Amino acid sequence: MNRFAKTCTAAVAAGLLLSACNTGADASDDGSDAAAENPVYAAMSAWNVCEILGNLQPITDEMAIEGWGGTNAEGGEPGPSELGNTFDPDAMGCGSLLNITSGGDYVNFGGGGELKVKLVPTESADQAASAYEERAAAAQSSGSGGEGLVELPLEGGWDQGVLYGWTGSANAHYLEVIGQSGQWVLHIQLNYDHNFGEEDGEPAYSFTSDELEEWFAGTYAAEVEQTVNAKIAEVQ
């Protein structure tokens, strides 16, 4: 009889212990992880970057982009990419192949290129600083393999920011913009075909490479920093 009583007592105790464990697991699953998620990171992760940055209209205007989607495209718009995409999983962005208007002796030239404007959300300023350093170092390394590497600081309220521009094969031009503001990073990657006539002072495009680099570093990057931080302020 005593053995039976002890067995029952042990069973009850085990049952109570199991119940307590299950109760704890349920409480953990019922929102503690969600509550701990960084609100800025959560909000940014759901953004459509094309919507946030006005379908990159300032760049369209500055570069006289004639079409999006291909080197012979007319009209159209850049397309968004979500966080977790195949090409840059830590970033979401807006961009596409592009067709740049040419003029002068090169009116039928039809220059092309590709543009990606990406935002990298993180959960802290330290994480953002690490992401910035990695991306800036990679851009500098890529530029060092080309010719005429240019380095410009970014204007605006960035914690740190830089533009690298260089000439690659077939005289195509490349530039990358990397900037950190708080817990997010901007990363722009642009390449476009040889700007014929630029060396003689009569470029095929409506801009020279120097002018475009200065505009990205001095004007556009600052506008993006203000736009994104204003949006972030809505969830802080």
C-alpha atoms as a PDB file:
ATOM      1  CA  MET A   1       0.000   0.000   0.000  1.00  0.00           C
ATOM      2  CA  ASN A   2       2.826   2.394   0.852  1.00  0.00           C
ATOM      3  CA  ARG A   3       4.545   1.513  -2.414  1.00  0.00           C
ATOM      4  CA  PHE A   4       1.338   2.383  -4.308  1.00  0.00           C
ATOM      5  CA  ALA A   5       1.054   5.719  -2.483  1.00  0.00           C
ATOM      6  CA  LYS A   6       4.633   6.586  -3.311  1.00  0.00           C
ATOM      7  CA  THR A   7       4.091   5.714  -6.977  1.00  0.00           C
ATOM      8  CA  CYS A   8       1.003   7.895  -7.179  1.00  0.00           C
ATOM      9  CA  THR A   9       2.801  10.766  -5.464  1.00  0.00           C
ATOM     10  CA  ALA A  10       5.688  10.534  -7.914  1.00  0.00           C
ATOM     11  CA  ALA A  11       3.304  10.429 -10.863  1.00  0.00           C
ATOM     12  CA  VAL A  12       1.445  13.503  -9.642  1.00  0.00           C
ATOM     13  CA  ALA A  13       4.728  15.342  -9.090  1.00  0.00           C
ATOM     14  CA  ALA A  14       5.918  14.412 -12.568  1.00  0.00           C
ATOM     15  CA  GLY A  15       2.635  15.560 -14.021  1.00  0.00           C
ATOM     16  CA  LEU A  16       2.847  18.887 -12.238  1.00  0.00           C
ATOM     17  CA  LEU A  17       6.436  19.332 -13.427  1.00  0.00           C
ATOM     18  CA  LEU A  18       5.445  18.568 -17.026  1.00  0.00           C
ATOM     19  CA  SER A  19       2.540  20.982 -16.778  1.00  0.00           C
ATOM     20  CA  ALA A  20       4.825  23.709 -15.464  1.00  0.00           C
ATOM     21  CA  CYS A  21       7.282  23.124 -18.287  1.00  0.00           C
ATOM     22  CA  ASN A  22       4.521  23.265 -20.896  1.00  0.00           C
ATOM     23  CA  THR A  23       3.160  26.451 -19.403  1.00  0.00           C
ATOM     24  CA  GLY A  24       6.581  28.067 -19.650  1.00  0.00           C
ATOM     25  CA  ALA A  25       6.991  26.978 -23.282  1.00  0.00           C
ATOM     26  CA  ASP A  26       3.602  28.381 -24.197  1.00  0.00           C
ATOM     27  CA  ALA A  27       4.416  31.709 -22.585  1.00  0.00           C
ATOM     28  CA  SER A  28       7.632  31.898 -24.543  1.00  0.00           C
ATOM     29  CA  ASP A  29       5.864  31.117 -27.797  1.00  0.00           C
ATOM     30  CA  ASP A  30       3.088  33.619 -27.159  1.00  0.00           C
ATOM     31  CA  GLY A  31       5.015  36.758 -28.009  1.00  0.00           C
ATOM     32  CA  SER A  32       8.204  37.178 -26.005  1.00  0.00           C
ATOM     33  CA  ASP A  33      10.311  36.832 -29.160  1.00  0.00           C
ATOM     34  CA  ALA A  34       8.080  39.213 -31.077  1.00  0.00           C
ATOM     35  CA  ALA A  35       8.147  41.708 -28.214  1.00  0.00           C
ATOM     36  CA  ALA A  36      11.929  41.608 -28.155  1.00  0.00           C
ATOM     37  CA  GLU A  37      12.250  42.268 -31.902  1.00  0.00           C
ATOM     38  CA  ASN A  38      13.784  45.637 -32.713  1.00  0.00           C
ATOM     39  CA  PRO A  39      10.916  47.890 -33.904  1.00  0.00           C
ATOM     40  CA  VAL A  40      13.019  49.856 -36.396  1.00  0.00           C
ATOM     41  CA  TYR A  41      14.446  46.694 -37.949  1.00  0.00           C
ATOM     42  CA  ALA A  42      10.971  45.161 -38.104  1.00  0.00           C
ATOM     43  CA  ALA A  43       9.500  48.233 -39.774  1.00  0.00           C
ATOM     44  CA  MET A  44      12.316  48.649 -42.306  1.00  0.00           C
ATOM     45  CA  SER A  45      12.228  44.958 -43.215  1.00  0.00           C
ATOM     46  CA  ALA A  46       8.701  45.383 -44.560  1.00  0.00           C
ATOM     47  CA  TRP A  47       9.456  48.444 -46.699  1.00  0.00           C
ATOM     48  CA  ASN A  48       9.156  48.677 -50.455  1.00  0.00           C
ATOM     49  CA  VAL A  49      12.315  50.670 -51.202  1.00  0.00           C
ATOM     50  CA  CYS A  50      10.999  51.879 -54.553  1.00  0.00           C
ATOM     51  CA  GLU A  51       8.030  53.452 -52.762  1.00  0.00           C
ATOM     52  CA  ILE A  52      10.171  54.945 -49.989  1.00  0.00           C
ATOM     53  CA  LEU A  53      12.606  56.501 -52.495  1.00  0.00           C
ATOM     54  CA  GLY A  54      10.073  57.725 -55.044  1.00  0.00           C
ATOM     55  CA  ASN A  55      10.950  55.136 -57.723  1.00  0.00           C
ATOM     56  CA  LEU A  56      14.419  56.735 -57.905  1.00  0.00           C
ATOM     57  CA  GLN A  57      13.023  59.687 -59.841  1.00  0.00           C
ATOM     58  CA  PRO A  58      15.867  62.047 -58.834  1.00  0.00           C
ATOM     59  CA  ILE A  59      18.354  59.639 -60.424  1.00  0.00           C
ATOM     60  CA  THR A  60      16.181  59.261 -63.505  1.00  0.00           C
ATOM     61  CA  ASP A  61      16.208  63.031 -63.915  1.00  0.00           C
ATOM     62  CA  GLU A  62      19.893  63.521 -63.169  1.00  0.00           C
ATOM     63  CA  MET A  63      21.069  60.778 -65.542  1.00  0.00           C
ATOM     64  CA  ALA A  64      18.381  61.338 -68.196  1.00  0.00           C
ATOM     65  CA  ILE A  65      17.375  57.680 -67.955  1.00  0.00           C
ATOM     66  CA  GLU A  66      15.164  56.928 -70.929  1.00  0.00           C
ATOM     67  CA  GLY A  67      13.935  53.521 -69.847  1.00  0.00           C
ATOM     68  CA  TRP A  68      14.098  50.871 -67.128  1.00  0.00           C
ATOM     69  CA  GLY A  69      14.436  47.128 -67.652  1.00  0.00           C
ATOM     70  CA  GLY A  70      16.967  46.920 -70.489  1.00  0.00           C
ATOM     71  CA  THR A  71      19.491  48.831 -72.537  1.00  0.00           C
ATOM     72  CA  ASN A  72      16.865  49.544 -75.209  1.00  0.00           C
ATOM     73  CA  ALA A  73      13.925  50.077 -72.861  1.00  0.00           C
ATOM     74  CA  GLU A  74      11.665  53.091 -73.025  1.00  0.00           C
ATOM     75  CA  GLY A  75       9.775  54.266 -69.960  1.00  0.00           C
ATOM     76  CA  GLY A  76       8.966  51.837 -67.213  1.00  0.00           C
ATOM     77  CA  GLU A  77      10.078  51.936 -63.592  1.00  0.00           C
ATOM     78  CA  PRO A  78      12.744  50.300 -61.429  1.00  0.00           C
ATOM     79  CA  GLY A  79      11.662  47.224 -59.493  1.00  0.00           C
ATOM     80  CA  PRO A  80      11.890  46.422 -55.771  1.00  0.00           C
ATOM     81  CA  SER A  81      13.750  43.541 -54.121  1.00  0.00           C
ATOM     82  CA  GLU A  82      12.828  42.225 -50.687  1.00  0.00           C
ATOM     83  CA  LEU A  83      14.974  41.439 -47.675  1.00  0.00           C
ATOM     84  CA  GLY A  84      16.303  37.903 -48.038  1.00  0.00           C
ATOM     85  CA  ASN A  85      16.659  38.067 -51.825  1.00  0.00           C
ATOM     86  CA  THR A  86      19.183  35.795 -53.520  1.00  0.00           C
ATOM     87  CA  PHE A  87      21.701  38.426 -54.607  1.00  0.00           C
ATOM     88  CA  ASP A  88      22.027  40.427 -51.361  1.00  0.00           C
ATOM     89  CA  PRO A  89      20.036  38.747 -48.565  1.00  0.00           C
ATOM     90  CA  ASP A  90      20.804  41.401 -45.930  1.00  0.00           C
ATOM     91  CA  ALA A  91      19.453  44.248 -48.056  1.00  0.00           C
ATOM     92  CA  MET A  92      16.261  45.279 -49.761  1.00  0.00           C
ATOM     93  CA  GLY A  93      16.437  47.572 -52.728  1.00  0.00           C
ATOM     94  CA  CYS A  94      15.182  49.238 -55.865  1.00  0.00           C
ATOM     95  CA  GLY A  95      16.732  49.205 -59.327  1.00  0.00           C
ATOM     96  CA  SER A  96      17.062  47.571 -62.711  1.00  0.00           C
ATOM     97  CA  LEU A  97      18.912  47.636 -65.998  1.00  0.00           C
ATOM     98  CA  LEU A  98      18.649  51.060 -67.578  1.00  0.00           C
ATOM     99  CA  ASN A  99      18.793  52.913 -70.876  1.00  0.00           C
ATOM    100  CA  ILE A 100      20.539  56.286 -70.764  1.00  0.00           C
ATOM    101  CA  THR A 101      19.683  59.047 -73.216  1.00  0.00           C
ATOM    102  CA  SER A 102      22.637  60.075 -75.378  1.00  0.00           C
ATOM    103  CA  GLY A 103      23.075  63.097 -77.611  1.00  0.00           C
ATOM    104  CA  GLY A 104      25.419  65.017 -79.863  1.00  0.00           C
ATOM    105  CA  ASP A 105      27.388  62.782 -82.219  1.00  0.00           C
ATOM    106  CA  TYR A 106      26.190  59.783 -80.206  1.00  0.00           C
ATOM    107  CA  VAL A 107      22.447  60.359 -80.354  1.00  0.00           C
ATOM    108  CA  ASN A 108      21.886  56.785 -81.559  1.00  0.00           C
ATOM    109  CA  PHE A 109      24.443  55.317 -79.198  1.00  0.00           C
ATOM    110  CA  GLY A 110      21.900  54.027 -76.674  1.00  0.00           C
ATOM    111  CA  GLY A 111      24.069  53.706 -73.592  1.00  0.00           C
ATOM    112  CA  GLY A 112      23.046  51.168 -70.985  1.00  0.00           C
ATOM    113  CA  GLY A 113      23.878  50.210 -67.437  1.00  0.00           C
ATOM    114  CA  GLU A 114      22.507  48.858 -64.171  1.00  0.00           C
ATOM    115  CA  LEU A 115      21.550  50.537 -60.909  1.00  0.00           C
ATOM    116  CA  LYS A 116      20.831  49.095 -57.459  1.00  0.00           C
ATOM    117  CA  VAL A 117      19.889  51.333 -54.532  1.00  0.00           C
ATOM    118  CA  LYS A 118      19.826  49.213 -51.384  1.00  0.00           C
ATOM    119  CA  LEU A 119      19.015  49.701 -47.719  1.00  0.00           C
ATOM    120  CA  VAL A 120      20.548  47.387 -45.134  1.00  0.00           C
ATOM    121  CA  PRO A 121      18.585  47.370 -41.848  1.00  0.00           C
ATOM    122  CA  THR A 122      20.261  46.045 -38.703  1.00  0.00           C
ATOM    123  CA  GLU A 123      19.305  45.753 -35.034  1.00  0.00           C
ATOM    124  CA  SER A 124      21.970  48.121 -33.689  1.00  0.00           C
ATOM    125  CA  ALA A 125      24.423  50.832 -34.637  1.00  0.00           C
ATOM    126  CA  ASP A 126      27.292  48.413 -33.991  1.00  0.00           C
ATOM    127  CA  GLN A 127      25.867  45.936 -36.497  1.00  0.00           C
ATOM    128  CA  ALA A 128      25.371  48.735 -39.007  1.00  0.00           C
ATOM    129  CA  ALA A 129      28.973  49.889 -38.540  1.00  0.00           C
ATOM    130  CA  SER A 130      30.193  46.357 -39.264  1.00  0.00           C
ATOM    131  CA  ALA A 131      28.007  46.133 -42.370  1.00  0.00           C
ATOM    132  CA  TYR A 132      29.321  49.508 -43.522  1.00  0.00           C
ATOM    133  CA  GLU A 133      32.941  48.498 -43.071  1.00  0.00           C
ATOM    134  CA  GLU A 134      32.469  45.231 -44.977  1.00  0.00           C
ATOM    135  CA  ARG A 135      30.693  46.873 -47.900  1.00  0.00           C
ATOM    136  CA  ALA A 136      33.051  49.854 -48.091  1.00  0.00           C
ATOM    137  CA  ALA A 137      36.083  47.563 -48.063  1.00  0.00           C
ATOM    138  CA  ALA A 138      34.600  45.401 -50.821  1.00  0.00           C
ATOM    139  CA  ALA A 139      33.827  48.460 -52.959  1.00  0.00           C
ATOM    140  CA  GLN A 140      37.327  49.844 -52.499  1.00  0.00           C
ATOM    141  CA  SER A 141      38.795  46.471 -53.440  1.00  0.00           C
ATOM    142  CA  SER A 142      36.691  46.337 -56.611  1.00  0.00           C
ATOM    143  CA  GLY A 143      37.686  49.882 -57.528  1.00  0.00           C
ATOM    144  CA  SER A 144      41.351  49.167 -56.963  1.00  0.00           C
ATOM    145  CA  GLY A 145      41.168  46.639 -59.776  1.00  0.00           C
ATOM    146  CA  GLY A 146      40.049  49.336 -62.222  1.00  0.00           C
ATOM    147  CA  GLU A 147      41.540  52.645 -63.279  1.00  0.00           C
ATOM    148  CA  GLY A 148      41.322  56.167 -61.868  1.00  0.00           C
ATOM    149  CA  LEU A 149      39.840  55.248 -58.500  1.00  0.00           C
ATOM    150  CA  VAL A 150      38.040  58.247 -56.952  1.00  0.00           C
ATOM    151  CA  GLU A 151      37.078  58.498 -53.286  1.00  0.00           C
ATOM    152  CA  LEU A 152      34.623  61.121 -52.040  1.00  0.00           C
ATOM    153  CA  PRO A 153      33.041  61.638 -48.598  1.00  0.00           C
ATOM    154  CA  LEU A 154      29.247  61.721 -48.395  1.00  0.00           C
ATOM    155  CA  GLU A 155      27.506  64.984 -47.502  1.00  0.00           C
ATOM    156  CA  GLY A 156      24.651  65.047 -45.008  1.00  0.00           C
ATOM    157  CA  GLY A 157      24.094  63.617 -41.561  1.00  0.00           C
ATOM    158  CA  TRP A 158      25.816  60.286 -42.084  1.00  0.00           C
ATOM    159  CA  ASP A 159      27.762  58.679 -39.250  1.00  0.00           C
ATOM    160  CA  GLN A 160      30.225  57.656 -41.944  1.00  0.00           C
ATOM    161  CA  GLY A 161      29.983  57.537 -45.708  1.00  0.00           C
ATOM    162  CA  VAL A 162      32.034  57.227 -48.871  1.00  0.00           C
ATOM    163  CA  LEU A 163      31.725  57.060 -52.652  1.00  0.00           C
ATOM    164  CA  TYR A 164      34.135  55.105 -54.836  1.00  0.00           C
ATOM    165  CA  GLY A 165      34.173  55.600 -58.596  1.00  0.00           C
ATOM    166  CA  TRP A 166      36.385  53.999 -61.229  1.00  0.00           C
ATOM    167  CA  THR A 167      36.695  52.955 -64.861  1.00  0.00           C
ATOM    168  CA  GLY A 168      36.533  49.277 -65.743  1.00  0.00           C
ATOM    169  CA  SER A 169      36.794  47.178 -68.880  1.00  0.00           C
ATOM    170  CA  ALA A 170      35.633  48.702 -72.182  1.00  0.00           C
ATOM    171  CA  ASN A 171      35.741  52.100 -70.427  1.00  0.00           C
ATOM    172  CA  ALA A 172      32.526  51.338 -68.560  1.00  0.00           C
ATOM    173  CA  HIS A 173      32.197  53.423 -65.411  1.00  0.00           C
ATOM    174  CA  TYR A 174      31.374  52.141 -61.934  1.00  0.00           C
ATOM    175  CA  LEU A 175      30.472  53.819 -58.688  1.00  0.00           C
ATOM    176  CA  GLU A 176      29.440  52.613 -55.263  1.00  0.00           C
ATOM    177  CA  VAL A 177      28.009  54.692 -52.443  1.00  0.00           C
ATOM    178  CA  ILE A 178      28.070  53.350 -48.889  1.00  0.00           C
ATOM    179  CA  GLY A 179      26.747  55.270 -45.905  1.00  0.00           C
ATOM    180  CA  GLN A 180      25.832  54.429 -42.307  1.00  0.00           C
ATOM    181  CA  SER A 181      23.210  56.296 -40.317  1.00  0.00           C
ATOM    182  CA  GLY A 182      22.379  54.789 -36.939  1.00  0.00           C
ATOM    183  CA  GLN A 183      21.294  51.207 -37.418  1.00  0.00           C
ATOM    184  CA  TRP A 184      20.976  51.147 -41.212  1.00  0.00           C
ATOM    185  CA  VAL A 185      23.269  51.346 -44.225  1.00  0.00           C
ATOM    186  CA  LEU A 186      22.785  52.734 -47.727  1.00  0.00           C
ATOM    187  CA  HIS A 187      24.533  50.889 -50.561  1.00  0.00           C
ATOM    188  CA  ILE A 188      24.269  52.125 -54.153  1.00  0.00           C
ATOM    189  CA  GLN A 189      25.858  50.196 -57.009  1.00  0.00           C
ATOM    190  CA  LEU A 190      25.858  51.745 -60.491  1.00  0.00           C
ATOM    191  CA  ASN A 191      27.600  50.930 -63.730  1.00  0.00           C
ATOM    192  CA  TYR A 192      27.091  52.438 -67.168  1.00  0.00           C
ATOM    193  CA  ASP A 193      28.611  52.160 -70.630  1.00  0.00           C
ATOM    194  CA  HIS A 194      31.502  54.272 -71.876  1.00  0.00           C
ATOM    195  CA  ASN A 195      30.552  57.935 -71.997  1.00  0.00           C
ATOM    196  CA  PHE A 196      31.914  58.594 -75.493  1.00  0.00           C
ATOM    197  CA  GLY A 197      33.193  62.105 -76.112  1.00  0.00           C
ATOM    198  CA  GLU A 198      33.714  62.781 -72.415  1.00  0.00           C
ATOM    199  CA  GLU A 199      37.474  63.074 -72.870  1.00  0.00           C
ATOM    200  CA  ASP A 200      36.947  65.826 -75.484  1.00  0.00           C
ATOM    201  CA  GLY A 201      34.496  67.806 -73.400  1.00  0.00           C
ATOM    202  CA  GLU A 202      31.443  66.669 -75.378  1.00  0.00           C
ATOM    203  CA  PRO A 203      30.047  63.669 -73.479  1.00  0.00           C
ATOM    204  CA  ALA A 204      27.385  61.483 -75.033  1.00  0.00           C
ATOM    205  CA  TYR A 205      25.385  61.629 -71.819  1.00  0.00           C
ATOM    206  CA  SER A 206      23.975  64.702 -70.112  1.00  0.00           C
ATOM    207  CA  PHE A 207      26.665  64.389 -67.435  1.00  0.00           C
ATOM    208  CA  THR A 208      30.335  63.607 -67.002  1.00  0.00           C
ATOM    209  CA  SER A 209      31.503  60.881 -64.656  1.00  0.00           C
ATOM    210  CA  ASP A 210      32.967  63.487 -62.295  1.00  0.00           C
ATOM    211  CA  GLU A 211      29.722  65.451 -62.210  1.00  0.00           C
ATOM    212  CA  LEU A 212      27.672  62.337 -61.502  1.00  0.00           C
ATOM    213  CA  GLU A 213      29.964  61.211 -58.689  1.00  0.00           C
ATOM    214  CA  GLU A 214      29.794  64.645 -57.078  1.00  0.00           C
ATOM    215  CA  TRP A 215      25.990  64.645 -57.349  1.00  0.00           C
ATOM    216  CA  PHE A 216      25.624  61.232 -55.735  1.00  0.00           C
ATOM    217  CA  ALA A 217      28.059  62.087 -52.917  1.00  0.00           C
ATOM    218  CA  GLY A 218      26.975  65.670 -52.367  1.00  0.00           C
ATOM    219  CA  THR A 219      23.244  65.716 -53.110  1.00  0.00           C
ATOM    220  CA  TYR A 220      21.498  62.390 -53.538  1.00  0.00           C
ATOM    221  CA  ALA A 221      23.039  60.565 -50.587  1.00  0.00           C
ATOM    222  CA  ALA A 222      22.031  63.403 -48.253  1.00  0.00           C
ATOM    223  CA  GLU A 223      18.459  63.313 -49.587  1.00  0.00           C
ATOM    224  CA  VAL A 224      18.213  59.564 -48.979  1.00  0.00           C
ATOM    225  CA  GLU A 225      19.555  59.941 -45.431  1.00  0.00           C
ATOM    226  CA  GLN A 226      16.888  62.527 -44.643  1.00  0.00           C
ATOM    227  CA  THR A 227      14.074  60.567 -46.303  1.00  0.00           C
ATOM    228  CA  VAL A 228      14.849  57.268 -44.600  1.00  0.00           C
ATOM    229  CA  ASN A 229      15.381  58.767 -41.151  1.00  0.00           C
ATOM    230  CA  ALA A 230      12.145  60.705 -41.417  1.00  0.00           C
ATOM    231  CA  LYS A 231      10.366  57.431 -42.151  1.00  0.00           C
ATOM    232  CA  ILE A 232      12.138  55.692 -39.258  1.00  0.00           C
ATOM    233  CA  ALA A 233      11.020  58.499 -36.893  1.00  0.00           C
ATOM    234  CA  GLU A 234       7.438  57.393 -37.487  1.00  0.00           C
ATOM    235  CA  VAL A 235       8.035  54.090 -35.676  1.00  0.00           C
ATOM    236  CA  GLN A 236      10.364  55.234 -32.891  1.00  0.00           C
END
